[in-house]
């Protein structure tokens, strides 16, 4: 009887242990899925905002061109009408004058001179008709060009309206998909809590080995990589960077040994915030630390964890993206440093920090490296203890 009670107590301890580990595993997995969904939603919203803004700018530009061409066409029509009126009046005056001259010639001059005047009048009338035909031809050509321009603008407008509707539908579908995934994740959490609370023994006996394997593999994966996210940037509206007109667009980069600079800088440069607003990059980089080829990365991370000197802190740089890439060069505007020693003290991962700068503003970054930092720190400490013990004399 005593042996049966002792076995029952051991089984209950194992049930509690495995239930807590399974709950931590579910929480970490749901937390990572939530981060991925948020990142995906932010990127889609930024993309839709950029496409909508470009469509509006193009639509406004086309409307402006249409108004300008309408104005020029009206001006040309008015000019043509004025010229026709002026030519008609001038020819009317000449006709009256010619009739008077003809009358005088009939009374004063001879017949050959009258024939010469008639020939001159016929030539002038022919010239007048040719000028009128040329003006009419120009008006027809301008009307045809204007009609083609209006047709092209109407087609472009219809395409922009259709693209806007497609973007709106895509945004609605993305929002619905996000709500569905969020609802499914909440349902899974509630189901797991119910099973842990009301059916603990069945859960332990059925899935104990699988849960332990999942926890170990998850711990191994999270301890062999780190993730650094550059979230947003805020600039002081009274700083020299904001008042400098040569600085129009900015991007952010950080340096990590063994990783190229192209992989650790934000792929897009954003307009410089001038009124204290916050611009969002949402750039994330995963750095793998396992393997012999990544020894330099692990050593660098250990130096960041060991020493609190500014030289051994993770450096972020705010850089000015030149307007003319052929003539100008990128210019470093400011630096921000992140001390990673807090990763050895905190128990929540990822950690989001706001890096304040003395001169230009604040940079918000997110670091997911708690497990990797602790694993590398323990690895180097164990190596140090082993080397120290090997130096001690043996009896």
Protein backbone atom coordinates (compact mmCIF):
# COMPACT_ATOMS: atom_id res chain seq x y z
CA UNK A 1 0.00 0.00 0.00
CA UNK A 2 2.87 2.39 0.82
CA UNK A 3 4.54 1.66 -2.52
CA UNK A 4 1.32 2.42 -4.40
CA UNK A 5 0.96 5.82 -2.65
CA UNK A 6 4.59 6.71 -3.41
CA UNK A 7 4.18 5.81 -7.10
CA UNK A 8 1.00 7.91 -7.27
CA UNK A 9 2.87 10.92 -5.82
CA UNK A 10 5.68 10.57 -8.39
CA UNK A 11 3.18 10.34 -11.23
CA UNK A 12 1.44 13.52 -10.01
CA UNK A 13 4.76 15.41 -9.84
CA UNK A 14 5.58 14.30 -13.38
CA UNK A 15 2.09 15.42 -14.52
CA UNK A 16 2.60 18.90 -13.05
CA UNK A 17 6.08 19.22 -14.55
CA UNK A 18 5.06 18.15 -18.01
CA UNK A 19 1.90 20.31 -17.90
CA UNK A 20 3.94 23.42 -17.10
CA UNK A 21 6.44 22.64 -19.85
CA UNK A 22 3.63 22.02 -22.32
CA UNK A 23 1.97 25.29 -21.31
CA UNK A 24 5.25 27.17 -21.81
CA UNK A 25 5.67 25.49 -25.19
CA UNK A 26 2.16 26.50 -26.28
CA UNK A 27 2.67 30.04 -25.03
CA UNK A 28 5.98 30.44 -26.90
CA UNK A 29 4.54 28.99 -30.10
CA UNK A 30 1.46 31.23 -29.96
CA UNK A 31 3.64 34.23 -29.13
CA UNK A 32 5.81 33.61 -32.20
CA UNK A 33 2.74 33.14 -34.40
CA UNK A 34 1.33 36.40 -33.05
CA UNK A 35 4.58 38.23 -33.86
CA UNK A 36 4.62 36.79 -37.38
CA UNK A 37 0.99 37.83 -37.94
CA UNK A 38 1.64 41.35 -36.66
CA UNK A 39 4.72 41.68 -38.86
CA UNK A 40 2.81 40.42 -41.90
CA UNK A 41 -0.13 42.75 -41.20
CA UNK A 42 2.14 45.79 -40.78
CA UNK A 43 3.94 45.05 -44.04
CA UNK A 44 0.67 44.59 -45.94
CA UNK A 45 -0.74 47.83 -44.50
CA UNK A 46 2.41 49.75 -45.48
CA UNK A 47 2.30 48.27 -48.97
CA UNK A 48 -1.37 49.14 -49.43
CA UNK A 49 -0.79 52.69 -48.13
CA UNK A 50 2.12 53.21 -50.52
CA UNK A 51 0.17 51.87 -53.52
CA UNK A 52 -2.90 53.99 -52.64
CA UNK A 53 -0.75 57.11 -52.27
CA UNK A 54 0.91 56.50 -55.64
CA UNK A 55 -2.49 55.99 -57.27
CA UNK A 56 -3.81 59.24 -55.81
CA UNK A 57 -0.72 61.16 -56.94
CA UNK A 58 -1.01 59.75 -60.47
CA UNK A 59 -4.73 60.53 -60.59
CA UNK A 60 -4.11 64.15 -59.47
CA UNK A 61 -1.31 64.53 -62.03
CA UNK A 62 -3.56 63.27 -64.84
CA UNK A 63 -6.36 65.62 -63.82
CA UNK A 64 -3.92 68.51 -63.80
CA UNK A 65 -2.68 67.65 -67.32
CA UNK A 66 -6.28 67.39 -68.57
CA UNK A 67 -7.13 70.83 -67.17
CA UNK A 68 -4.02 72.35 -68.74
CA UNK A 69 -4.82 70.89 -72.16
CA UNK A 70 -8.44 72.04 -71.93
CA UNK A 71 -7.25 75.55 -71.09
CA UNK A 72 -4.79 75.60 -74.01
CA UNK A 73 -7.47 74.32 -76.41
CA UNK A 74 -9.95 77.01 -75.32
CA UNK A 75 -7.27 79.66 -75.76
CA UNK A 76 -6.47 78.40 -79.26
CA UNK A 77 -10.16 78.39 -80.21
CA UNK A 78 -10.57 81.95 -79.00
CA UNK A 79 -7.44 82.98 -80.89
CA UNK A 80 -8.74 81.30 -84.05
CA UNK A 81 -12.10 83.01 -83.78
CA UNK A 82 -10.44 86.36 -83.25
CA UNK A 83 -8.22 85.82 -86.28
CA UNK A 84 -11.20 84.83 -88.42
CA UNK A 85 -13.07 87.96 -87.33
CA UNK A 86 -10.03 90.15 -87.99
CA UNK A 87 -9.42 88.58 -91.43
CA UNK A 88 -13.09 88.95 -92.35
CA UNK A 89 -13.13 92.60 -91.34
CA UNK A 90 -9.89 93.27 -93.17
CA UNK A 91 -11.10 91.61 -96.35
CA UNK A 92 -14.40 93.41 -96.10
CA UNK A 93 -12.58 96.70 -95.91
CA UNK A 94 -10.37 95.73 -98.84
CA UNK A 95 -13.40 94.65 -100.84
CA UNK A 96 -15.10 97.98 -100.28
CA UNK A 97 -11.89 99.76 -101.10
CA UNK A 98 -11.41 97.70 -104.24
CA UNK A 99 -14.96 98.38 -105.39
CA UNK A 100 -14.35 102.08 -105.01
CA UNK A 101 -11.05 101.76 -106.88
CA UNK A 102 -12.76 99.84 -109.65
CA UNK A 103 -15.38 102.53 -109.97
CA UNK A 104 -12.69 105.16 -110.17
CA UNK A 105 -10.78 103.08 -112.73
CA UNK A 106 -13.85 102.76 -114.90
CA UNK A 107 -14.11 106.50 -114.99
CA UNK A 108 -10.44 107.45 -115.19
CA UNK A 109 -8.29 104.57 -116.49
CA UNK A 110 -8.22 102.42 -119.59
CA UNK A 111 -9.40 98.83 -120.01
CA UNK A 112 -5.93 97.03 -119.64
CA UNK A 113 -5.45 98.63 -116.26
CA UNK A 114 -8.91 97.40 -115.17
CA UNK A 115 -7.99 93.83 -116.12
CA UNK A 116 -4.82 94.07 -113.99
CA UNK A 117 -6.84 95.17 -110.95
CA UNK A 118 -9.27 92.31 -111.40
CA UNK A 119 -6.39 89.81 -111.58
CA UNK A 120 -4.92 91.23 -108.37
CA UNK A 121 -8.26 90.93 -106.62
CA UNK A 122 -8.62 87.31 -107.75
CA UNK A 123 -5.14 86.48 -106.39
CA UNK A 124 -5.89 88.10 -103.06
CA UNK A 125 -9.16 86.19 -102.74
CA UNK A 126 -7.35 82.94 -103.54
CA UNK A 127 -4.75 83.67 -100.87
CA UNK A 128 -7.53 84.39 -98.39
CA UNK A 129 -9.24 81.06 -99.11
CA UNK A 130 -5.93 79.18 -98.68
CA UNK A 131 -5.31 80.81 -95.31
CA UNK A 132 -8.77 79.92 -94.11
CA UNK A 133 -8.31 76.30 -95.21
CA UNK A 134 -4.98 76.10 -93.33
CA UNK A 135 -6.56 77.44 -90.15
CA UNK A 136 -9.43 74.95 -90.40
CA UNK A 137 -6.94 72.10 -90.91
CA UNK A 138 -5.00 73.12 -87.78
CA UNK A 139 -8.21 73.28 -85.74
CA UNK A 140 -9.22 69.76 -86.84
CA UNK A 141 -5.77 68.39 -85.98
CA UNK A 142 -5.91 69.97 -82.51
CA UNK A 143 -9.41 68.59 -81.89
CA UNK A 144 -8.25 65.08 -82.84
CA UNK A 145 -5.21 65.28 -80.54
CA UNK A 146 -7.38 66.57 -77.69
CA UNK A 147 -9.89 63.75 -78.18
CA UNK A 148 -7.09 61.14 -78.08
CA UNK A 149 -5.68 62.69 -74.90
CA UNK A 150 -9.09 62.65 -73.21
CA UNK A 151 -9.58 58.99 -74.21
CA UNK A 152 -6.19 58.00 -72.75
CA UNK A 153 -6.90 59.88 -69.52
CA UNK A 154 -10.27 58.17 -69.17
CA UNK A 155 -8.68 54.74 -69.66
CA UNK A 156 -6.00 55.53 -67.07
CA UNK A 157 -8.65 56.74 -64.62
CA UNK A 158 -10.64 53.51 -65.04
CA UNK A 159 -7.50 51.43 -64.45
CA UNK A 160 -6.69 53.40 -61.27
CA UNK A 161 -10.22 52.96 -59.97
CA UNK A 162 -10.07 49.21 -60.65
CA UNK A 163 -6.68 48.88 -58.95
CA UNK A 164 -7.97 50.80 -55.94
CA UNK A 165 -10.94 48.43 -55.65
CA UNK A 166 -8.60 45.43 -55.86
CA UNK A 167 -6.40 46.87 -53.07
CA UNK A 168 -9.45 47.50 -50.89
CA UNK A 169 -10.68 43.92 -51.43
CA UNK A 170 -7.21 42.56 -50.67
CA UNK A 171 -7.05 44.57 -47.47
CA UNK A 172 -10.46 43.27 -46.37
CA UNK A 173 -9.42 39.67 -47.12
CA UNK A 174 -6.15 40.13 -45.20
CA UNK A 175 -8.00 41.55 -42.22
CA UNK A 176 -10.44 38.64 -42.26
CA UNK A 177 -7.60 36.13 -42.50
CA UNK A 178 -5.84 37.81 -39.57
CA UNK A 179 -9.00 37.69 -37.44
CA UNK A 180 -9.51 34.01 -38.33
CA UNK A 181 -5.95 33.08 -37.33
CA UNK A 182 -6.22 35.09 -34.12
CA UNK A 183 -9.53 33.40 -33.26
CA UNK A 184 -8.06 29.93 -33.99
CA UNK A 185 -5.05 30.65 -31.78
CA UNK A 186 -7.31 31.74 -28.91
CA UNK A 187 -9.40 28.58 -29.34
CA UNK A 188 -6.27 26.42 -29.21
CA UNK A 189 -5.12 28.16 -26.02
CA UNK A 190 -8.50 27.64 -24.38
CA UNK A 191 -8.59 23.97 -25.42
CA UNK A 192 -5.11 23.44 -24.02
CA UNK A 193 -6.05 25.11 -20.71
CA UNK A 194 -9.21 22.98 -20.45
CA UNK A 195 -7.30 19.76 -21.12
CA UNK A 196 -4.61 20.68 -18.59
CA UNK A 197 -7.22 21.56 -15.95
CA UNK A 198 -9.75 18.75 -16.37
CA UNK A 199 -7.81 15.88 -18.03
CA UNK A 200 -4.23 16.05 -16.71
CA UNK A 201 -3.59 12.28 -16.42
CA UNK A 202 -4.76 11.45 -19.94
CA UNK A 203 -2.60 14.20 -21.41
CA UNK A 204 0.54 12.99 -19.60
CA UNK A 205 0.23 9.31 -20.42
CA UNK A 206 -0.64 9.87 -24.08
CA UNK A 207 1.82 12.60 -25.12
CA UNK A 208 4.62 12.77 -22.57
CA UNK A 209 7.44 11.70 -24.93
CA UNK A 210 6.29 13.89 -27.80
CA UNK A 211 6.00 16.97 -25.58
CA UNK A 212 9.50 16.51 -24.19
CA UNK A 213 10.95 16.14 -27.68
CA UNK A 214 9.17 19.27 -28.91
CA UNK A 215 10.40 21.29 -25.95
CA UNK A 216 13.99 20.15 -26.43
CA UNK A 217 13.95 20.86 -30.18
CA UNK A 218 12.38 24.28 -29.60
CA UNK A 219 14.98 25.15 -26.99
CA UNK A 220 17.74 24.02 -29.32
CA UNK A 221 16.40 26.10 -32.21
CA UNK A 222 15.92 29.29 -30.17
CA UNK A 223 19.36 28.95 -28.57
CA UNK A 224 21.11 28.71 -31.95
CA UNK A 225 19.89 32.00 -33.41
CA UNK A 226 19.08 35.59 -32.56
CA UNK A 227 16.63 37.99 -34.18
CA UNK A 228 17.08 41.76 -34.35
CA UNK A 229 14.20 43.96 -35.52
CA UNK A 230 14.48 47.67 -36.35
CA UNK A 231 10.94 48.88 -35.64
CA UNK A 232 10.76 52.67 -35.91
CA UNK A 233 12.66 55.98 -35.72
CA UNK A 234 11.74 59.33 -34.18
CA UNK A 235 13.75 62.54 -34.74
CA UNK A 236 13.85 65.63 -32.57
CA UNK A 237 12.20 68.46 -34.60
CA UNK A 238 14.76 70.93 -33.20
CA UNK A 239 17.87 68.88 -34.05
CA UNK A 240 20.38 69.80 -36.73
CA UNK A 241 19.44 66.76 -38.80
CA UNK A 242 15.83 67.93 -39.19
CA UNK A 243 16.84 71.50 -40.12
CA UNK A 244 19.40 70.27 -42.67
CA UNK A 245 17.79 70.49 -46.13
CA UNK A 246 20.40 68.19 -47.69
CA UNK A 247 19.04 65.27 -45.63
CA UNK A 248 15.80 64.05 -47.21
CA UNK A 249 15.65 60.24 -46.67
CA UNK A 250 17.16 58.06 -43.92
CA UNK A 251 17.71 54.38 -43.23
CA UNK A 252 19.14 52.39 -40.28
CA UNK A 253 21.85 49.73 -40.14
CA UNK A 254 23.72 47.71 -37.50
CA UNK A 255 26.94 45.74 -37.60
CA UNK A 256 27.44 42.10 -36.67
CA UNK A 257 30.67 40.19 -37.52
CA UNK A 258 30.25 37.50 -40.12
CA UNK A 259 27.13 39.15 -41.63
CA UNK A 260 27.41 41.44 -44.67
CA UNK A 261 26.30 45.08 -44.37
CA UNK A 262 23.68 44.61 -47.11
CA UNK A 263 21.86 42.09 -44.87
CA UNK A 264 21.87 44.27 -41.72
CA UNK A 265 20.50 47.51 -43.16
CA UNK A 266 16.89 48.41 -43.83
CA UNK A 267 16.13 47.72 -47.52
CA UNK A 268 14.11 50.92 -47.92
CA UNK A 269 14.91 54.50 -46.95
CA UNK A 270 12.03 56.59 -45.59
CA UNK A 271 11.34 60.31 -45.68
CA UNK A 272 12.91 62.20 -42.80
CA UNK A 273 10.34 62.88 -40.03
CA UNK A 274 10.31 66.64 -39.40
CA UNK A 275 7.50 67.11 -36.85
CA UNK A 276 8.41 64.54 -34.22
CA UNK A 277 6.32 61.79 -35.81
CA UNK A 278 7.38 58.12 -35.85
CA UNK A 279 8.37 56.39 -39.11
CA UNK A 280 8.20 52.58 -39.24
CA UNK A 281 10.77 50.28 -40.89
CA UNK A 282 9.67 46.85 -39.54
CA UNK A 283 12.96 45.30 -40.69
CA UNK A 284 13.87 41.95 -39.10
CA UNK A 285 17.10 39.95 -39.44
CA UNK A 286 17.68 36.40 -38.12
CA UNK A 287 21.36 35.58 -37.39
CA UNK A 288 22.29 31.90 -37.01
CA UNK A 289 24.96 30.98 -34.46
CA UNK A 290 25.33 27.18 -34.75
CA UNK A 291 28.13 25.47 -36.68
CA UNK A 292 31.88 25.90 -36.86
CA UNK A 293 31.59 28.61 -39.53
CA UNK A 294 29.75 30.90 -37.06
CA UNK A 295 32.39 30.85 -34.33
CA UNK A 296 33.16 34.53 -34.90
CA UNK A 297 29.50 35.44 -34.37
CA UNK A 298 29.31 33.52 -31.08
CA UNK A 299 32.55 35.14 -29.87
CA UNK A 300 31.20 38.61 -30.71
CA UNK A 301 27.94 37.93 -28.86
CA UNK A 302 29.89 36.70 -25.83
CA UNK A 303 31.92 39.94 -25.83
CA UNK A 304 28.67 41.94 -25.92
CA UNK A 305 27.38 39.97 -22.92
CA UNK A 306 30.62 40.06 -20.94
CA UNK A 307 31.73 43.71 -21.15
CA UNK A 308 29.54 46.80 -20.66
CA UNK A 309 32.04 49.09 -22.42
CA UNK A 310 30.59 51.15 -25.30
CA UNK A 311 32.94 49.42 -27.73
CA UNK A 312 31.37 46.06 -26.81
CA UNK A 313 27.75 47.08 -27.35
CA UNK A 314 25.56 46.50 -30.39
CA UNK A 315 25.80 49.63 -32.53
CA UNK A 316 22.96 51.04 -34.65
CA UNK A 317 23.65 53.81 -37.18
CA UNK A 318 21.17 56.29 -38.70
CA UNK A 319 22.34 57.04 -42.24
CA UNK A 320 21.29 59.70 -44.77
CA UNK A 321 20.35 58.29 -48.18
CA UNK A 322 21.59 60.74 -50.87
CA UNK A 323 19.16 62.15 -53.43
CA UNK A 324 21.65 61.84 -56.29
CA UNK A 325 23.29 58.43 -55.93
CA UNK A 326 25.82 59.10 -58.72
CA UNK A 327 27.37 62.19 -57.10
CA UNK A 328 26.67 62.07 -53.34
CA UNK A 329 27.63 59.47 -50.73
CA UNK A 330 25.80 58.11 -47.69
CA UNK A 331 26.40 60.12 -44.52
CA UNK A 332 26.24 58.82 -40.94
CA UNK A 333 23.88 61.07 -38.95
CA UNK A 334 24.05 59.46 -35.51
CA UNK A 335 24.72 56.33 -33.47
CA UNK A 336 22.80 54.39 -30.81
CA UNK A 337 24.19 51.57 -28.64
CA UNK A 338 22.32 48.63 -27.11
CA UNK A 339 23.68 46.85 -24.03
CA UNK A 340 22.80 43.13 -24.25
CA UNK A 341 23.69 42.20 -20.66
CA UNK A 342 20.02 42.50 -19.72
CA UNK A 343 19.39 39.31 -21.74
CA UNK A 344 21.06 37.33 -18.95
CA UNK A 345 18.68 38.81 -16.37
CA UNK A 346 15.27 38.96 -18.06
CA UNK A 347 12.98 36.00 -18.56
CA UNK A 348 10.78 37.38 -21.35
CA UNK A 349 11.80 37.19 -25.00
CA UNK A 350 11.73 39.11 -27.35
CA UNK A 351 12.76 42.36 -25.64
CA UNK A 352 11.85 45.71 -27.16
CA UNK A 353 14.02 48.71 -26.29
CA UNK A 354 13.96 52.41 -27.23
CA UNK A 355 17.48 53.67 -27.87
CA UNK A 356 17.66 57.39 -27.11
CA UNK A 357 20.21 59.54 -28.90
CA UNK A 358 21.68 62.69 -27.41
CA UNK A 359 21.30 64.77 -30.57
CA UNK A 360 18.74 63.47 -33.06
CA UNK A 361 16.00 61.36 -31.43
CA UNK A 362 15.07 57.77 -30.51
CA UNK A 363 15.33 54.41 -32.28
CA UNK A 364 12.98 51.53 -31.30
CA UNK A 365 14.39 48.02 -31.77
CA UNK A 366 13.33 44.50 -30.75
CA UNK A 367 15.85 41.78 -29.81
CA UNK A 368 15.02 38.06 -29.48
CA UNK A 369 18.20 36.47 -28.12
CA UNK A 370 17.63 35.39 -24.52
CA UNK A 371 18.13 31.64 -25.02
CA UNK A 372 21.08 32.09 -27.39
CA UNK A 373 22.76 34.60 -25.08
CA UNK A 374 22.45 32.35 -22.03
CA UNK A 375 23.63 29.28 -23.94
CA UNK A 376 26.72 31.06 -25.31
CA UNK A 377 27.50 32.61 -21.93
CA UNK A 378 27.28 29.22 -20.20
CA UNK A 379 29.41 27.65 -22.96
CA UNK A 380 32.25 30.17 -22.53
CA UNK A 381 32.05 30.04 -18.74
CA UNK A 382 32.31 26.23 -18.82
CA UNK A 383 35.31 26.45 -21.15
CA UNK A 384 36.97 28.95 -18.82
CA UNK A 385 36.40 26.67 -15.81
CA UNK A 386 37.78 23.64 -17.67
CA UNK A 387 40.92 25.53 -18.75
CA UNK A 388 41.40 26.80 -15.21
CA UNK A 389 41.02 23.31 -13.72
CA UNK A 390 43.52 21.90 -16.21
CA UNK A 391 46.13 24.40 -14.98
CA UNK A 392 45.76 23.31 -11.34
CA UNK A 393 48.37 20.78 -10.10
CA UNK A 394 47.13 17.28 -9.45
CA UNK A 395 48.13 15.30 -6.38
